[in-house]
N, C-alpha and C. Protein backbone atom coordinates (compact mmCIF):
# COMPACT_ATOMS: atom_id res chain seq x y z
N MET A 1 146.70 122.40 136.49
CA MET A 1 147.35 122.18 137.04
C MET A 1 147.64 123.76 138.35
N THR A 2 147.92 123.43 139.16
CA THR A 2 147.75 124.91 140.64
C THR A 2 148.82 125.80 140.41
N GLN A 3 148.63 126.06 141.24
CA GLN A 3 149.19 127.87 140.93
C GLN A 3 150.67 127.88 141.69
N ASP A 4 151.09 126.15 142.56
CA ASP A 4 151.41 126.13 143.25
C ASP A 4 152.16 124.93 141.73
N ASP A 5 151.22 124.69 141.07
CA ASP A 5 152.57 123.64 139.82
C ASP A 5 152.84 124.91 139.58
N LEU A 6 152.70 125.94 138.82
CA LEU A 6 153.57 126.98 137.92
C LEU A 6 154.14 127.39 138.95
N LEU A 7 154.37 127.18 140.47
CA LEU A 7 155.62 128.33 140.37
C LEU A 7 156.61 127.41 141.25
N THR A 8 156.67 125.85 140.66
CA THR A 8 157.71 125.09 140.67
C THR A 8 158.77 124.84 139.99
N VAL A 9 160.38 124.44 140.40
CA VAL A 9 161.47 124.97 139.55
C VAL A 9 162.17 123.43 139.99
N ASN A 10 162.32 122.14 139.43
CA ASN A 10 162.55 121.73 140.22
C ASN A 10 162.56 121.06 141.50
N GLY A 11 161.64 120.47 141.28
CA GLY A 11 160.59 119.93 142.36
C GLY A 11 160.77 120.88 144.20
N LYS A 12 161.07 122.56 143.85
CA LYS A 12 160.46 123.75 144.75
C LYS A 12 159.78 124.66 144.72
N THR A 13 159.25 125.30 145.59
CA THR A 13 158.45 125.76 144.87
C THR A 13 158.65 126.96 145.66
N PHE A 14 158.04 128.46 144.96
CA PHE A 14 158.16 129.14 144.86
C PHE A 14 157.41 130.22 145.52
N ALA A 15 157.19 131.38 146.45
CA ALA A 15 155.92 132.33 146.66
C ALA A 15 155.18 133.07 145.22
N SER A 16 156.42 133.26 144.44
CA SER A 16 155.94 133.28 143.18
C SER A 16 157.50 133.77 141.84
N ARG A 17 156.91 134.63 141.58
CA ARG A 17 158.00 134.41 140.19
C ARG A 17 159.30 135.53 140.35
N ALA A 18 159.55 136.46 141.16
CA ALA A 18 160.12 136.86 141.70
C ALA A 18 160.53 136.78 142.79
N GLU A 19 160.60 135.70 143.42
CA GLU A 19 161.06 134.87 144.47
C GLU A 19 162.06 133.68 143.32
N ALA A 20 161.49 133.20 143.34
CA ALA A 20 162.17 132.31 141.66
C ALA A 20 163.59 132.49 140.85
N ALA A 21 163.46 134.14 140.75
CA ALA A 21 163.97 135.01 140.44
C ALA A 21 165.66 135.07 140.15
N ARG A 22 164.82 136.24 141.48
CA ARG A 22 166.14 135.78 142.86
C ARG A 22 167.14 134.56 142.89
N HIS A 23 166.29 134.24 143.54
CA HIS A 23 166.81 132.38 143.49
C HIS A 23 167.66 131.93 142.11
N TYR A 24 167.36 132.57 141.28
CA TYR A 24 168.32 131.61 140.28
C TYR A 24 169.32 132.83 139.94
N GLY A 25 169.38 134.05 140.44
CA GLY A 25 169.96 134.98 139.99
C GLY A 25 169.51 135.71 138.33
N VAL A 26 167.84 135.99 138.12
CA VAL A 26 167.77 136.64 137.40
C VAL A 26 166.49 137.59 137.71
N ASN A 27 166.99 138.33 136.71
CA ASN A 27 165.75 140.07 136.65
C ASN A 27 164.75 139.53 136.66
N PRO A 28 164.36 139.44 137.73
CA PRO A 28 162.39 139.23 137.76
C PRO A 28 161.61 139.72 136.71
N LYS A 29 161.79 140.56 136.65
CA LYS A 29 161.25 141.40 135.08
C LYS A 29 161.82 140.88 134.38
N LEU A 30 162.65 140.64 133.96
CA LEU A 30 162.62 139.88 132.37
C LEU A 30 162.68 138.51 132.99
N VAL A 31 162.00 137.92 133.61
CA VAL A 31 161.54 136.28 134.16
C VAL A 31 160.10 136.56 133.87
N CYS A 32 159.31 137.63 134.12
CA CYS A 32 157.98 138.35 133.93
C CYS A 32 157.66 138.32 132.35
N GLU A 33 158.67 138.77 132.61
CA GLU A 33 158.42 138.70 131.06
C GLU A 33 158.20 137.96 130.15
N ARG A 34 159.61 137.33 129.79
CA ARG A 34 159.48 135.85 129.40
C ARG A 34 158.36 134.80 129.82
N MET A 35 157.67 134.98 131.00
CA MET A 35 156.94 134.36 130.73
C MET A 35 154.81 134.76 130.43
N SER A 36 155.09 136.49 130.31
CA SER A 36 153.58 137.42 129.87
C SER A 36 154.24 136.82 128.69
N LYS A 37 155.05 137.14 127.91
CA LYS A 37 154.32 137.71 126.86
C LYS A 37 155.19 137.37 125.37
N PHE A 38 156.21 135.86 126.08
CA PHE A 38 156.62 134.95 125.08
C PHE A 38 156.35 133.83 125.27
N GLY A 39 155.34 133.22 127.18
CA GLY A 39 154.89 131.80 126.78
C GLY A 39 155.75 131.21 127.55
N TRP A 40 157.20 131.83 127.92
CA TRP A 40 157.41 130.13 128.76
C TRP A 40 157.42 130.23 130.17
N SER A 41 157.34 128.92 130.37
CA SER A 41 157.70 128.93 131.73
C SER A 41 158.45 129.06 132.64
N LEU A 42 158.11 129.13 133.98
CA LEU A 42 158.90 129.63 134.85
C LEU A 42 160.56 128.86 135.07
N ALA A 43 159.90 128.04 134.85
CA ALA A 43 161.61 126.92 134.82
C ALA A 43 162.35 127.22 133.18
N GLN A 44 161.95 127.81 132.74
CA GLN A 44 162.63 128.09 131.33
C GLN A 44 163.03 129.53 131.37
N ALA A 45 162.09 130.25 132.58
CA ALA A 45 162.55 131.85 132.21
C ALA A 45 163.80 132.21 133.70
N VAL A 46 163.46 131.08 134.26
CA VAL A 46 164.97 131.07 135.17
C VAL A 46 166.51 130.74 134.94
N GLY A 47 166.14 129.89 133.58
CA GLY A 47 167.19 129.78 134.02
C GLY A 47 167.37 127.89 134.05
N ALA A 48 166.65 127.19 134.54
CA ALA A 48 166.78 126.04 134.76
C ALA A 48 166.37 124.82 133.62
N GLU A 49 166.04 125.26 133.26
CA GLU A 49 165.49 124.05 131.24
C GLU A 49 165.59 125.23 130.62
N PRO A 50 166.10 125.19 129.19
CA PRO A 50 166.17 124.88 127.79
C PRO A 50 165.14 125.93 127.13
N ARG A 51 165.27 127.58 126.58
CA ARG A 51 164.43 127.78 126.23
C ARG A 51 163.86 127.45 125.22
N PRO A 52 162.09 127.39 124.99
CA PRO A 52 161.73 126.89 123.86
C PRO A 52 161.60 127.57 121.98
N ASN A 53 163.01 127.93 121.96
CA ASN A 53 164.18 128.16 120.96
C ASN A 53 162.54 128.01 119.83
N LYS A 54 162.04 126.63 119.01
CA LYS A 54 161.31 126.86 118.00
C LYS A 54 160.09 127.37 118.47
N GLU A 55 159.75 127.98 119.64
CA GLU A 55 159.33 129.13 119.48
C GLU A 55 159.17 130.61 118.52
N TYR A 56 160.84 131.04 119.24
CA TYR A 56 161.15 132.02 119.17
C TYR A 56 161.33 132.41 117.27
N ARG A 57 161.41 131.09 116.30
CA ARG A 57 161.73 130.80 115.10
C ARG A 57 160.46 130.51 114.47
N LYS A 58 159.46 130.75 114.99
CA LYS A 58 158.31 130.29 113.79
C LYS A 58 157.90 131.29 112.91
N GLU A 59 158.01 130.97 112.41
CA GLU A 59 157.76 132.25 110.48
C GLU A 59 156.58 133.47 110.60
N ILE A 60 156.19 134.44 110.33
CA ILE A 60 155.73 135.01 110.65
C ILE A 60 155.58 135.90 109.47
N VAL A 61 154.00 136.04 108.70
CA VAL A 61 153.81 137.05 107.42
C VAL A 61 153.59 138.39 107.55
N ILE A 62 153.81 138.91 107.11
CA ILE A 62 153.37 140.67 107.12
C ILE A 62 154.06 141.24 106.44
N ASP A 63 152.47 142.37 105.40
CA ASP A 63 152.66 143.15 104.23
C ASP A 63 153.63 141.70 103.71
N ASN A 64 152.44 140.43 103.60
CA ASN A 64 152.85 139.85 102.33
C ASN A 64 154.99 139.25 102.24
N GLN A 65 155.37 139.39 103.53
CA GLN A 65 156.86 139.73 103.20
C GLN A 65 157.24 137.95 104.48
N THR A 66 157.27 137.42 104.41
CA THR A 66 157.38 135.86 105.63
C THR A 66 159.24 136.38 106.05
N TYR A 67 158.90 135.85 107.57
CA TYR A 67 159.89 136.44 107.93
C TYR A 67 160.25 135.55 108.77
N PRO A 68 161.96 135.44 109.17
CA PRO A 68 161.66 133.93 110.43
C PRO A 68 161.51 133.31 111.38
N SER A 69 161.39 134.66 111.94
CA SER A 69 161.00 134.85 113.54
C SER A 69 161.00 136.47 114.44
N ILE A 70 159.59 135.96 115.06
CA ILE A 70 158.78 137.72 115.10
C ILE A 70 160.22 139.15 115.70
N ARG A 71 161.62 138.43 115.62
CA ARG A 71 162.67 139.19 116.34
C ARG A 71 163.15 139.64 115.28
N ALA A 72 162.90 138.97 113.77
CA ALA A 72 163.63 139.24 112.60
C ALA A 72 163.04 140.11 111.70
N ALA A 73 161.76 139.44 112.04
CA ALA A 73 160.50 140.56 111.38
C ALA A 73 160.75 142.43 112.59
N ALA A 74 161.00 142.40 114.08
CA ALA A 74 160.93 142.95 114.61
C ALA A 74 162.36 144.38 114.43
N ARG A 75 163.58 143.28 113.55
CA ARG A 75 164.80 143.91 113.14
C ARG A 75 164.55 144.48 111.94
N ALA A 76 163.36 144.49 110.77
CA ALA A 76 163.24 143.84 109.59
C ALA A 76 162.42 145.50 109.64
N LEU A 77 161.01 145.37 109.58
CA LEU A 77 160.61 146.81 110.35
C LEU A 77 160.78 148.10 110.92
N GLY A 78 161.55 148.49 111.99
CA GLY A 78 162.68 149.31 112.62
C GLY A 78 162.38 149.37 113.52
N LEU A 79 161.08 148.22 114.69
CA LEU A 79 160.15 148.49 115.80
C LEU A 79 161.16 147.39 117.26
N PRO A 80 160.23 147.55 118.30
CA PRO A 80 161.65 147.37 119.41
C PRO A 80 160.63 145.67 118.99
N GLN A 81 161.06 144.66 119.52
CA GLN A 81 160.74 143.25 119.57
C GLN A 81 159.01 143.44 120.26
N SER A 82 158.96 143.59 121.17
CA SER A 82 158.18 143.75 122.60
C SER A 82 157.29 144.26 121.47
N THR A 83 157.26 146.03 121.08
CA THR A 83 155.84 146.41 120.54
C THR A 83 155.35 145.63 119.79
N LEU A 84 155.97 144.93 118.42
CA LEU A 84 155.78 144.28 117.33
C LEU A 84 154.21 142.76 118.10
N MET A 85 155.04 142.58 119.34
CA MET A 85 154.23 141.44 120.38
C MET A 85 153.56 141.66 120.14
N ASN A 86 153.03 143.06 121.10
CA ASN A 86 151.96 143.99 121.79
C ASN A 86 151.33 144.50 120.37
N ARG A 87 151.55 144.26 119.47
CA ARG A 87 150.67 144.99 118.17
C ARG A 87 149.37 143.76 117.47
N ILE A 88 150.85 142.36 117.49
CA ILE A 88 149.89 141.04 117.70
C ILE A 88 149.00 140.75 118.67
N LYS A 89 149.27 141.13 119.84
CA LYS A 89 148.89 140.43 120.65
C LYS A 89 147.06 141.71 121.05
N ALA A 90 147.39 142.30 120.37
CA ALA A 90 146.14 143.24 120.30
C ALA A 90 145.06 142.83 118.75
N ASP A 91 146.29 143.06 118.38
CA ASP A 91 145.15 142.13 116.66
C ASP A 91 144.53 141.43 116.65
N SER A 92 145.27 140.20 117.56
CA SER A 92 144.27 138.81 117.54
C SER A 92 144.78 138.72 116.09
N ILE A 93 145.89 138.33 115.90
CA ILE A 93 146.45 137.67 114.22
C ILE A 93 146.47 136.51 114.53
N VAL A 94 145.57 135.83 113.77
CA VAL A 94 145.99 134.49 113.35
C VAL A 94 146.07 133.72 112.92
N GLU A 95 146.81 132.87 112.33
CA GLU A 95 147.57 131.50 111.77
C GLU A 95 148.06 132.18 109.95
N GLY A 96 148.55 132.62 109.67
CA GLY A 96 148.60 132.52 107.59
C GLY A 96 148.13 134.26 107.52
N ARG A 97 147.05 135.38 108.75
CA ARG A 97 147.06 136.06 108.63
C ARG A 97 147.58 137.75 108.53
N LYS A 98 147.70 137.86 107.35
CA LYS A 98 148.08 139.42 106.68
C LYS A 98 148.14 140.02 107.00
N VAL A 99 149.49 141.07 107.44
CA VAL A 99 149.30 142.82 108.14
C VAL A 99 149.85 143.38 106.62
N LEU A 100 148.89 143.89 106.89
CA LEU A 100 148.79 144.96 106.80
C LEU A 100 149.93 146.04 106.81
N LYS A 101 150.33 147.30 106.04
CA LYS A 101 151.50 148.71 106.51
C LYS A 101 150.46 149.79 107.12
N GLY A 102 150.16 151.01 107.06
CA GLY A 102 149.56 151.67 107.24
C GLY A 102 149.77 152.38 106.35
N GLN A 103 150.49 152.51 106.34
CA GLN A 103 151.41 153.86 104.70
C GLN A 103 151.49 152.84 103.52
N SER A 104 151.19 151.72 103.85
CA SER A 104 150.87 151.13 102.08
C SER A 104 150.34 152.52 101.28
N LYS A 105 150.36 151.95 100.02
CA LYS A 105 149.56 153.55 99.14
C LYS A 105 148.88 152.05 97.90
N PRO A 106 147.02 152.21 98.29
CA PRO A 106 146.94 151.34 97.27
C PRO A 106 146.92 151.12 95.32
N MET A 107 146.48 151.00 95.24
CA MET A 107 147.36 151.54 93.37
C MET A 107 146.09 151.20 92.93
N PHE A 108 145.89 151.17 91.76
CA PHE A 108 144.83 150.56 90.75
C PHE A 108 145.34 149.67 89.81
N TYR A 109 144.65 148.47 89.20
CA TYR A 109 144.87 148.18 87.70
C TYR A 109 143.71 146.76 87.43
N GLY A 110 143.82 147.37 85.86
CA GLY A 110 142.62 146.09 85.62
C GLY A 110 141.17 146.77 85.51
N GLY A 111 141.10 147.64 87.18
CA GLY A 111 139.26 147.88 87.42
C GLY A 111 139.82 147.60 89.15
N LYS A 112 140.38 147.06 88.76
CA LYS A 112 140.24 146.24 91.05
C LYS A 112 141.83 146.69 90.72
N LEU A 113 141.58 147.97 92.56
CA LEU A 113 142.67 148.43 93.19
C LEU A 113 143.09 147.45 94.66
N TYR A 114 144.13 147.40 94.55
CA TYR A 114 144.51 146.18 95.47
C TYR A 114 146.11 147.60 96.21
N PRO A 115 145.90 146.55 97.23
CA PRO A 115 146.79 147.59 99.22
C PRO A 115 147.97 148.13 98.42
N SER A 116 148.21 147.61 98.00
CA SER A 116 149.56 148.44 97.50
C SER A 116 150.07 147.67 96.35
N ALA A 117 151.83 148.17 95.66
CA ALA A 117 152.25 147.97 94.66
C ALA A 117 152.54 146.62 94.66
N ARG A 118 152.95 145.88 95.59
CA ARG A 118 153.12 145.00 95.34
C ARG A 118 152.63 143.60 95.72
N TYR A 119 151.17 143.72 95.91
CA TYR A 119 150.11 142.75 95.51
C TYR A 119 149.34 142.86 94.94
N LEU A 120 149.74 144.38 94.47
CA LEU A 120 148.93 144.24 92.02
C LEU A 120 150.14 143.41 91.98
N LEU A 121 151.34 143.58 92.62
CA LEU A 121 152.19 142.35 90.74
C LEU A 121 153.08 140.78 91.99
N LEU A 122 152.49 140.81 92.59
CA LEU A 122 152.28 139.18 93.65
C LEU A 122 151.36 138.48 93.00
N ALA A 123 149.60 139.57 92.69
CA ALA A 123 148.27 139.19 92.58
C ALA A 123 148.29 139.05 90.79
N ASN A 124 149.63 139.73 89.83
CA ASN A 124 149.71 139.12 88.25
C ASN A 124 151.33 139.44 88.19
N ARG A 125 151.72 137.97 88.75
CA ARG A 125 153.48 137.56 88.27
C ARG A 125 153.72 138.17 87.07
N GLY A 126 152.31 138.40 85.89
CA GLY A 126 152.56 138.52 84.25
C GLY A 126 153.62 139.57 84.49
N LEU A 127 153.47 140.27 84.97
CA LEU A 127 153.57 141.97 85.29
C LEU A 127 155.16 141.87 85.87
N VAL A 128 155.31 141.35 86.14
CA VAL A 128 156.84 141.67 86.39
C VAL A 128 158.03 140.38 85.77
N GLY A 129 157.46 139.50 84.89
CA GLY A 129 158.12 138.91 84.32
C GLY A 129 160.29 138.42 84.52
N ASP A 130 161.16 138.73 83.84
CA ASP A 130 162.04 138.19 84.73
C ASP A 130 162.85 139.45 85.09
N LYS A 131 162.07 140.88 85.75
CA LYS A 131 162.06 142.03 86.29
C LYS A 131 162.00 141.28 87.81
N SER A 132 163.36 141.94 88.33
CA SER A 132 162.77 142.04 89.97
C SER A 132 162.09 142.68 90.58
N ILE A 133 161.34 141.60 91.37
CA ILE A 133 159.84 142.90 92.46
C ILE A 133 160.10 144.02 92.87
N ASP A 134 160.95 143.83 93.53
CA ASP A 134 161.40 144.28 94.15
C ASP A 134 162.16 146.32 93.54
N LYS A 135 162.42 146.19 92.73
CA LYS A 135 162.52 146.85 91.59
C LYS A 135 161.80 147.77 91.17
N MET A 136 160.47 146.87 90.55
CA MET A 136 159.34 146.91 90.31
C MET A 136 158.54 147.90 90.76
N VAL A 137 158.06 147.49 92.15
CA VAL A 137 157.71 147.81 93.51
C VAL A 137 157.94 149.40 93.73
N THR A 138 159.22 149.72 93.74
CA THR A 138 160.19 150.86 93.58
C THR A 138 159.49 151.92 92.26
N ALA A 139 159.57 151.08 91.53
CA ALA A 139 158.94 151.86 90.25
C ALA A 139 158.08 152.28 89.73
N LEU A 140 156.64 151.29 90.45
CA LEU A 140 155.38 152.28 90.77
C LEU A 140 154.82 153.11 91.50
N ASN A 141 155.64 153.12 92.38
CA ASN A 141 156.02 154.11 93.86
C ASN A 141 156.80 155.76 93.40
N ASP A 142 157.08 155.53 92.39
CA ASP A 142 157.97 156.21 92.25
C ASP A 142 156.97 157.32 91.17
N LYS A 143 156.26 156.12 90.62
CA LYS A 143 154.89 157.38 89.71
C LYS A 143 153.91 157.23 90.56
N ALA A 144 153.29 157.04 91.80
CA ALA A 144 152.85 157.06 91.59
C ALA A 144 152.82 158.19 92.72
N ARG A 145 154.55 158.99 92.99
CA ARG A 145 155.05 159.76 94.04
C ARG A 145 154.90 161.51 92.95
N TYR A 146 155.40 160.71 91.54
CA TYR A 146 155.47 162.04 90.90
C TYR A 146 153.94 162.75 90.71
N ALA A 147 152.77 161.67 89.99
CA ALA A 147 151.60 161.78 90.11
C ALA A 147 150.62 162.94 90.74
N LYS A 148 151.20 162.41 92.30
CA LYS A 148 150.61 162.87 93.58
C LYS A 148 151.18 164.87 92.55
N LYS A 149 152.79 164.52 93.13
CA LYS A 149 153.39 165.71 93.00
C LYS A 149 152.27 166.39 91.41
N GLN A 150 152.23 166.10 90.55
CA GLN A 150 151.51 166.88 89.98
C GLN A 150 149.82 167.52 89.55
N GLY A 151 149.72 167.28 90.70
CA GLY A 151 148.25 166.75 91.07
C GLY A 151 147.28 166.49 90.92
N VAL A 152 147.33 164.89 90.09
CA VAL A 152 146.64 164.20 88.79
C VAL A 152 146.00 163.13 90.53
N ILE A 153 146.73 162.76 91.26
CA ILE A 153 146.26 162.02 92.03
C ILE A 153 146.55 162.33 93.73
N LYS A 154 145.66 162.01 94.89
CA LYS A 154 146.21 162.35 96.25
C LYS A 154 147.62 161.23 96.62
N ASN A 155 147.11 159.53 95.94
CA ASN A 155 148.08 159.16 96.55
C ASN A 155 147.83 158.07 98.39
N LEU A 156 147.18 158.79 98.63
CA LEU A 156 147.07 158.74 100.32
C LEU A 156 146.88 157.31 100.73
N SER A 157 147.87 157.10 101.55
CA SER A 157 147.84 155.88 102.31
C SER A 157 146.71 154.77 102.97
N LEU A 158 147.30 153.81 103.89
CA LEU A 158 145.44 152.54 104.36
C LEU A 158 145.39 153.81 105.60
N ALA A 159 146.78 154.43 105.97
CA ALA A 159 145.98 155.56 107.33
C ALA A 159 144.99 156.74 107.28
N GLU A 160 145.89 157.06 105.80
CA GLU A 160 145.36 158.20 105.32
C GLU A 160 144.00 158.24 105.22
N ILE A 161 143.62 157.12 104.56
CA ILE A 161 141.87 156.14 104.55
C ILE A 161 141.16 156.62 105.37
N SER A 162 141.96 156.03 106.58
CA SER A 162 141.39 156.04 107.47
C SER A 162 140.93 157.55 108.44
N ALA A 163 141.83 157.74 108.51
CA ALA A 163 142.35 159.21 108.58
C ALA A 163 140.97 160.53 108.33
N GLU A 164 141.04 159.98 106.65
CA GLU A 164 140.34 161.09 105.98
C GLU A 164 138.82 161.03 105.55
N TYR A 165 139.09 159.60 105.30
CA TYR A 165 137.14 159.09 105.20
C TYR A 165 136.52 158.56 106.66
N GLY A 166 136.57 158.73 108.64
CA GLY A 166 137.08 158.23 109.18
C GLY A 166 136.01 156.86 108.95
N LEU A 167 136.75 155.74 107.98
CA LEU A 167 136.90 154.26 108.76
C LEU A 167 137.91 153.78 109.45
N PRO A 168 137.74 152.36 109.71
CA PRO A 168 137.43 151.59 111.15
C PRO A 168 139.59 151.90 110.07
N LYS A 169 140.71 151.56 111.04
CA LYS A 169 142.14 151.27 110.57
C LYS A 169 141.74 150.20 109.29
N ILE A 170 142.70 149.53 108.86
CA ILE A 170 142.88 149.50 107.87
C ILE A 170 143.44 148.17 108.12
N ARG A 171 144.20 147.09 109.30
CA ARG A 171 145.02 146.21 109.52
C ARG A 171 144.93 144.91 108.59
N PHE A 172 144.25 144.61 108.12
CA PHE A 172 144.59 143.31 107.83
C PHE A 172 143.67 142.91 106.31
N VAL A 173 144.95 142.39 105.93
CA VAL A 173 144.59 141.79 103.77
C VAL A 173 143.46 142.10 103.35
N ASP A 174 142.53 141.06 104.89
CA ASP A 174 141.41 140.30 104.88
C ASP A 174 139.97 141.40 105.04
N GLU A 175 140.87 142.72 105.56
CA GLU A 175 140.11 144.33 106.12
C GLU A 175 140.04 144.50 104.10
N PHE A 176 140.72 144.54 103.69
CA PHE A 176 140.87 146.00 102.86
C PHE A 176 139.66 145.91 101.59
N ASP A 177 139.21 144.88 101.27
CA ASP A 177 138.42 145.32 100.06
C ASP A 177 136.69 145.70 100.75
N ALA A 178 136.46 145.25 101.95
CA ALA A 178 135.73 145.86 103.01
C ALA A 178 135.67 147.49 102.97
N ALA A 179 137.32 147.29 103.31
CA ALA A 179 137.37 148.96 103.45
C ALA A 179 136.98 149.44 102.20
N ILE A 180 137.48 149.02 101.37
CA ILE A 180 136.98 149.78 100.24
C ILE A 180 135.64 149.91 100.33
N VAL A 181 135.27 149.06 99.77
CA VAL A 181 133.63 149.28 100.14
C VAL A 181 132.58 150.10 99.96
N MET A 182 133.81 150.23 101.42
CA MET A 182 132.74 152.34 102.63
C MET A 182 133.27 152.79 101.97
N LEU A 183 134.56 153.40 102.00
CA LEU A 183 134.84 154.38 100.75
C LEU A 183 134.21 154.13 99.86
N SER A 184 133.91 153.65 99.38
CA SER A 184 133.16 153.73 97.62
C SER A 184 131.81 154.54 97.60
N GLU A 185 131.40 154.00 98.81
CA GLU A 185 129.68 155.05 99.64
C GLU A 185 130.02 155.85 100.11
N SER A 186 131.44 156.45 100.21
CA SER A 186 131.48 157.78 100.57
C SER A 186 131.47 158.89 99.53
N VAL A 187 132.37 157.90 98.43
CA VAL A 187 132.63 158.98 97.68
C VAL A 187 132.02 158.62 96.33
N ASP A 188 131.89 159.01 94.96
CA ASP A 188 131.70 158.94 93.74
C ASP A 188 133.05 157.97 92.86
N ASP A 189 132.32 157.30 91.94
CA ASP A 189 134.25 156.45 90.76
C ASP A 189 134.50 157.49 90.52
N VAL A 190 134.14 158.19 90.28
CA VAL A 190 135.56 159.29 89.39
C VAL A 190 136.45 160.18 90.58
N VAL A 191 135.56 159.78 91.98
CA VAL A 191 137.07 161.02 93.20
C VAL A 191 137.70 159.43 93.55
N LEU A 192 137.27 158.30 93.27
CA LEU A 192 137.98 157.16 94.01
C LEU A 192 139.11 156.86 92.68
N ASP A 193 138.73 157.20 91.38
CA ASP A 193 139.61 157.11 90.56
C ASP A 193 141.13 157.87 90.92
N LYS A 194 140.49 159.11 91.28
CA LYS A 194 141.96 160.56 91.71
C LYS A 194 142.20 160.10 93.43
N LEU A 195 141.99 159.16 93.66
CA LEU A 195 142.31 158.82 95.14
C LEU A 195 144.16 157.99 95.01
N PHE A 196 144.10 156.94 93.72
CA PHE A 196 144.90 156.65 93.44
C PHE A 196 145.62 155.85 92.48
N TYR A 197 146.94 155.58 92.39
CA TYR A 197 146.90 155.25 91.06
C TYR A 197 147.07 154.52 90.54
N THR A 198 147.10 154.68 89.60
CA THR A 198 146.61 153.28 87.98
C THR A 198 147.66 153.48 87.49
N TYR A 199 147.58 151.96 87.21
CA TYR A 199 148.74 151.11 86.62
C TYR A 199 148.64 150.97 85.16
N SER A 200 149.63 150.81 84.35
CA SER A 200 149.84 150.53 83.25
C SER A 200 150.76 150.44 83.04
N GLN A 201 150.53 148.61 82.21
CA GLN A 201 152.04 148.30 81.21
C GLN A 201 152.68 149.56 80.46
N ALA A 202 152.06 150.04 80.06
CA ALA A 202 152.81 151.79 79.14
C ALA A 202 153.64 152.01 80.30
N THR A 203 153.38 152.31 81.57
CA THR A 203 153.93 153.36 82.29
C THR A 203 155.10 153.09 82.76
N VAL A 204 155.63 152.17 82.84
CA VAL A 204 156.75 151.32 83.91
C VAL A 204 157.91 150.75 82.21
């Protein structure tokens, strides 16, 4: 495809995106954003062809939560849509790769450390039973915060782990185990137990 093809709408070739935008009465900045960030064609960006709705409605998984679209995810996370898309692009997220929130607090169960209370419960569904998983997550996090207040644990978040121990940022689930191995090499097992909350069925 030539540059002229990229700048052609309904058989008319424009010198630039901005010229096409002005011809169709659309803000040039909006046209560039639609093409650069969302992958629309010039004809779609200026409104000469239908917008690619299916592209917008593609599901995305972030921190084990599935959202119907990037727009819905941005709204739920309290982020501008452009910010979330830039982060996704910068982190080169591949299909199905799960993103972790920096504020997630790792938690032990059965000798294994999970990225958060939610991941712990999702991996051990029997612990949830007929209860609400959201309520269980809240209860576990409350217990962890109380333990921190009592000085029993530090209850570090993923972001705090990286900052305090000089580790790379933990952005994805598939990076978590490797990061914890690096952390365990920096501290002994006793100290590691003091960093995170340990869940037992007797605590909730």
